[in-house]
N, C-alpha and C. Protein backbone atom coordinates (compact mmCIF):
# COMPACT_ATOMS: atom_id res chain seq x y z
N MET A 1 81.58 208.23 55.81
CA MET A 1 82.72 208.11 54.83
C MET A 1 82.29 209.10 53.70
N THR A 2 83.13 209.76 53.28
CA THR A 2 82.84 210.76 52.11
C THR A 2 83.61 210.19 50.80
N GLY A 3 83.02 210.64 49.74
CA GLY A 3 83.67 210.08 48.40
C GLY A 3 83.11 208.84 48.08
N PRO A 4 83.49 208.37 46.85
CA PRO A 4 83.03 207.20 46.31
C PRO A 4 83.28 205.84 46.90
N THR A 5 82.50 204.91 46.86
CA THR A 5 82.84 203.66 47.59
C THR A 5 83.81 202.85 46.95
N PRO A 6 84.70 202.10 47.57
CA PRO A 6 85.73 201.47 46.74
C PRO A 6 85.02 200.15 46.17
N ALA A 7 85.67 199.84 44.88
CA ALA A 7 85.08 198.78 44.21
C ALA A 7 85.32 197.38 45.00
N THR A 8 84.52 196.49 44.91
CA THR A 8 84.63 195.24 45.63
C THR A 8 85.51 194.34 44.69
N THR A 9 86.62 193.61 45.20
CA THR A 9 87.41 192.85 44.37
C THR A 9 87.19 191.31 44.75
N THR A 10 87.11 190.51 43.64
CA THR A 10 86.87 189.13 43.89
C THR A 10 88.22 188.53 43.72
N PRO A 11 88.34 187.40 44.75
CA PRO A 11 89.55 186.69 44.72
C PRO A 11 89.84 185.97 43.50
N ALA A 12 91.19 185.92 43.04
CA ALA A 12 91.46 185.38 41.91
C ALA A 12 91.63 183.96 42.15
N ARG A 13 91.33 182.93 41.08
CA ARG A 13 91.35 181.56 41.42
C ARG A 13 92.53 180.80 40.83
N ILE A 14 92.90 179.87 41.31
CA ILE A 14 94.13 179.11 40.66
C ILE A 14 93.74 178.51 39.50
N CYS A 15 94.53 178.74 38.33
CA CYS A 15 94.20 178.04 36.99
C CYS A 15 94.18 176.58 37.21
N GLN A 16 93.05 175.95 36.49
CA GLN A 16 92.64 174.56 36.59
C GLN A 16 93.81 173.73 35.42
N ASN A 17 94.24 174.43 34.70
CA ASN A 17 95.15 173.79 33.58
C ASN A 17 96.46 173.54 34.14
N CYS A 18 97.05 174.58 34.79
CA CYS A 18 98.31 174.37 35.37
C CYS A 18 98.52 174.26 36.81
N ASP A 19 97.47 174.27 37.62
CA ASP A 19 97.41 174.25 39.09
C ASP A 19 98.23 175.37 39.77
N GLY A 20 98.46 176.49 39.07
CA GLY A 20 99.21 177.79 39.67
C GLY A 20 100.60 177.52 39.24
N PHE A 21 101.03 176.43 38.50
CA PHE A 21 102.65 176.49 37.92
C PHE A 21 102.49 176.88 36.52
N ALA A 22 102.50 178.14 36.35
CA ALA A 22 102.23 178.70 35.12
C ALA A 22 103.35 178.80 34.10
N THR A 23 104.51 178.71 34.50
CA THR A 23 105.69 178.51 33.73
C THR A 23 106.53 177.21 33.85
N ALA A 24 106.82 176.65 32.77
CA ALA A 24 107.62 175.41 32.83
C ALA A 24 109.05 175.63 32.03
N ALA A 25 110.04 175.04 32.37
CA ALA A 25 111.17 174.97 31.53
C ALA A 25 111.40 173.71 30.75
N VAL A 26 111.49 173.69 29.69
CA VAL A 26 111.47 172.48 28.70
C VAL A 26 112.91 172.44 28.06
N SER A 27 113.64 171.26 28.32
CA SER A 27 114.86 171.22 27.66
C SER A 27 114.67 171.07 26.16
N SER A 28 115.52 171.62 25.35
CA SER A 28 115.59 171.48 23.87
C SER A 28 116.46 170.43 23.30
N GLY A 29 116.96 169.60 23.99
CA GLY A 29 117.85 168.49 23.47
C GLY A 29 118.97 168.10 24.48
N PRO A 30 119.99 167.64 23.69
CA PRO A 30 121.10 167.18 24.55
C PRO A 30 122.10 168.29 24.94
N ARG A 31 122.98 168.12 25.82
CA ARG A 31 124.02 169.32 26.26
C ARG A 31 124.87 169.70 25.09
N ASP A 32 125.24 170.81 24.93
CA ASP A 32 126.08 171.32 23.95
C ASP A 32 127.65 171.04 24.24
N PRO A 33 128.62 171.08 23.56
CA PRO A 33 130.10 170.80 23.82
C PRO A 33 130.48 171.60 25.07
N HIS A 34 129.93 172.65 25.45
CA HIS A 34 130.37 173.24 26.70
C HIS A 34 129.59 172.96 27.85
N GLY A 35 128.76 171.95 27.71
CA GLY A 35 127.97 171.45 28.93
C GLY A 35 126.89 172.02 29.27
N HIS A 36 126.21 173.07 28.48
CA HIS A 36 125.27 173.70 28.77
C HIS A 36 123.91 172.96 28.35
N LEU A 37 122.94 173.01 29.13
CA LEU A 37 121.50 172.36 28.80
C LEU A 37 120.72 173.53 28.38
N HIS A 38 120.26 173.69 27.06
CA HIS A 38 119.44 174.68 26.76
C HIS A 38 118.09 174.47 27.06
N THR A 39 117.39 175.26 27.44
CA THR A 39 115.88 175.30 28.04
C THR A 39 115.19 176.31 27.37
N LEU A 40 113.89 176.19 27.16
CA LEU A 40 112.77 177.16 26.61
C LEU A 40 111.80 177.32 27.86
N THR A 41 111.42 178.50 28.33
CA THR A 41 110.47 178.62 29.11
C THR A 41 109.05 178.83 28.45
N VAL A 42 108.07 178.09 28.82
CA VAL A 42 106.79 178.00 28.37
C VAL A 42 105.68 178.35 29.20
N ASP A 43 104.86 179.25 28.85
CA ASP A 43 103.61 179.80 29.70
C ASP A 43 102.56 178.91 29.39
N CYS A 44 101.70 178.73 30.41
CA CYS A 44 100.41 178.10 30.34
C CYS A 44 99.57 178.93 29.34
N PRO A 45 98.92 178.33 28.24
CA PRO A 45 98.14 178.88 27.50
C PRO A 45 96.80 179.50 27.99
N ALA A 46 96.39 178.97 28.92
CA ALA A 46 94.96 179.32 29.56
C ALA A 46 95.06 180.54 30.46
N CYS A 47 96.20 180.58 31.23
CA CYS A 47 96.31 181.74 31.98
C CYS A 47 97.38 182.93 31.68
N HIS A 48 98.04 182.34 30.67
CA HIS A 48 99.21 183.25 30.14
C HIS A 48 100.25 183.63 30.93
N GLY A 49 100.63 182.60 31.85
CA GLY A 49 101.68 182.57 32.62
C GLY A 49 101.46 183.21 33.89
N THR A 50 100.21 183.50 34.50
CA THR A 50 99.86 184.33 35.73
C THR A 50 99.71 183.36 36.87
N GLY A 51 99.11 182.02 36.43
CA GLY A 51 98.80 181.01 37.49
C GLY A 51 97.44 181.17 38.02
N THR A 52 96.71 182.37 37.65
CA THR A 52 95.48 182.46 38.14
C THR A 52 94.41 182.95 36.95
N VAL A 53 93.27 182.58 37.20
CA VAL A 53 92.23 183.15 36.46
C VAL A 53 91.10 183.91 37.02
N PRO A 54 90.53 184.86 36.37
CA PRO A 54 89.40 185.50 37.27
C PRO A 54 88.29 184.86 37.59
N ALA A 55 87.73 185.05 38.87
CA ALA A 55 86.60 184.49 39.33
C ALA A 55 85.39 184.73 38.57
N PRO A 56 84.44 183.79 38.26
CA PRO A 56 83.25 184.01 37.51
C PRO A 56 82.31 185.12 38.10
N VAL A 57 81.75 185.66 37.25
CA VAL A 57 80.73 186.85 37.58
C VAL A 57 79.56 186.08 38.26
N ALA A 58 79.25 186.70 39.34
CA ALA A 58 78.13 186.10 40.17
C ALA A 58 76.87 186.27 39.50
N GLN A 59 75.87 185.48 39.45
CA GLN A 59 74.62 185.68 38.74
C GLN A 59 73.78 186.53 39.64
N LEU A 60 73.05 187.51 38.86
CA LEU A 60 72.26 188.58 39.58
C LEU A 60 71.22 187.76 40.26
N ALA A 61 70.76 188.35 41.49
CA ALA A 61 69.61 187.83 42.18
C ALA A 61 68.30 187.85 41.41
N GLY A 62 67.67 186.76 41.12
CA GLY A 62 66.31 186.84 40.47
C GLY A 62 66.52 186.70 38.90
N GLY A 63 67.87 186.63 38.43
CA GLY A 63 68.23 186.51 36.98
C GLY A 63 68.04 185.06 36.57
N ARG A 64 67.93 184.98 35.29
CA ARG A 64 67.77 183.59 34.57
C ARG A 64 69.08 183.27 33.97
N ALA A 65 69.48 182.12 33.94
CA ALA A 65 70.76 181.61 33.08
C ALA A 65 70.59 181.57 31.76
């Protein structure tokens, strides 16, 4: 193989705060006179709406915590 070696990727983990359901629709009150229910979309503050968090960096062999 020639050229630089590709970087190793670590798999993303599911966010513990939202369990992967990163965005929720929250109703903002009763229906208006037209019958519409107004909702707000709210993202998880921990993962910012992605549903995943980066995996922790592995400790180096022989290193100290």
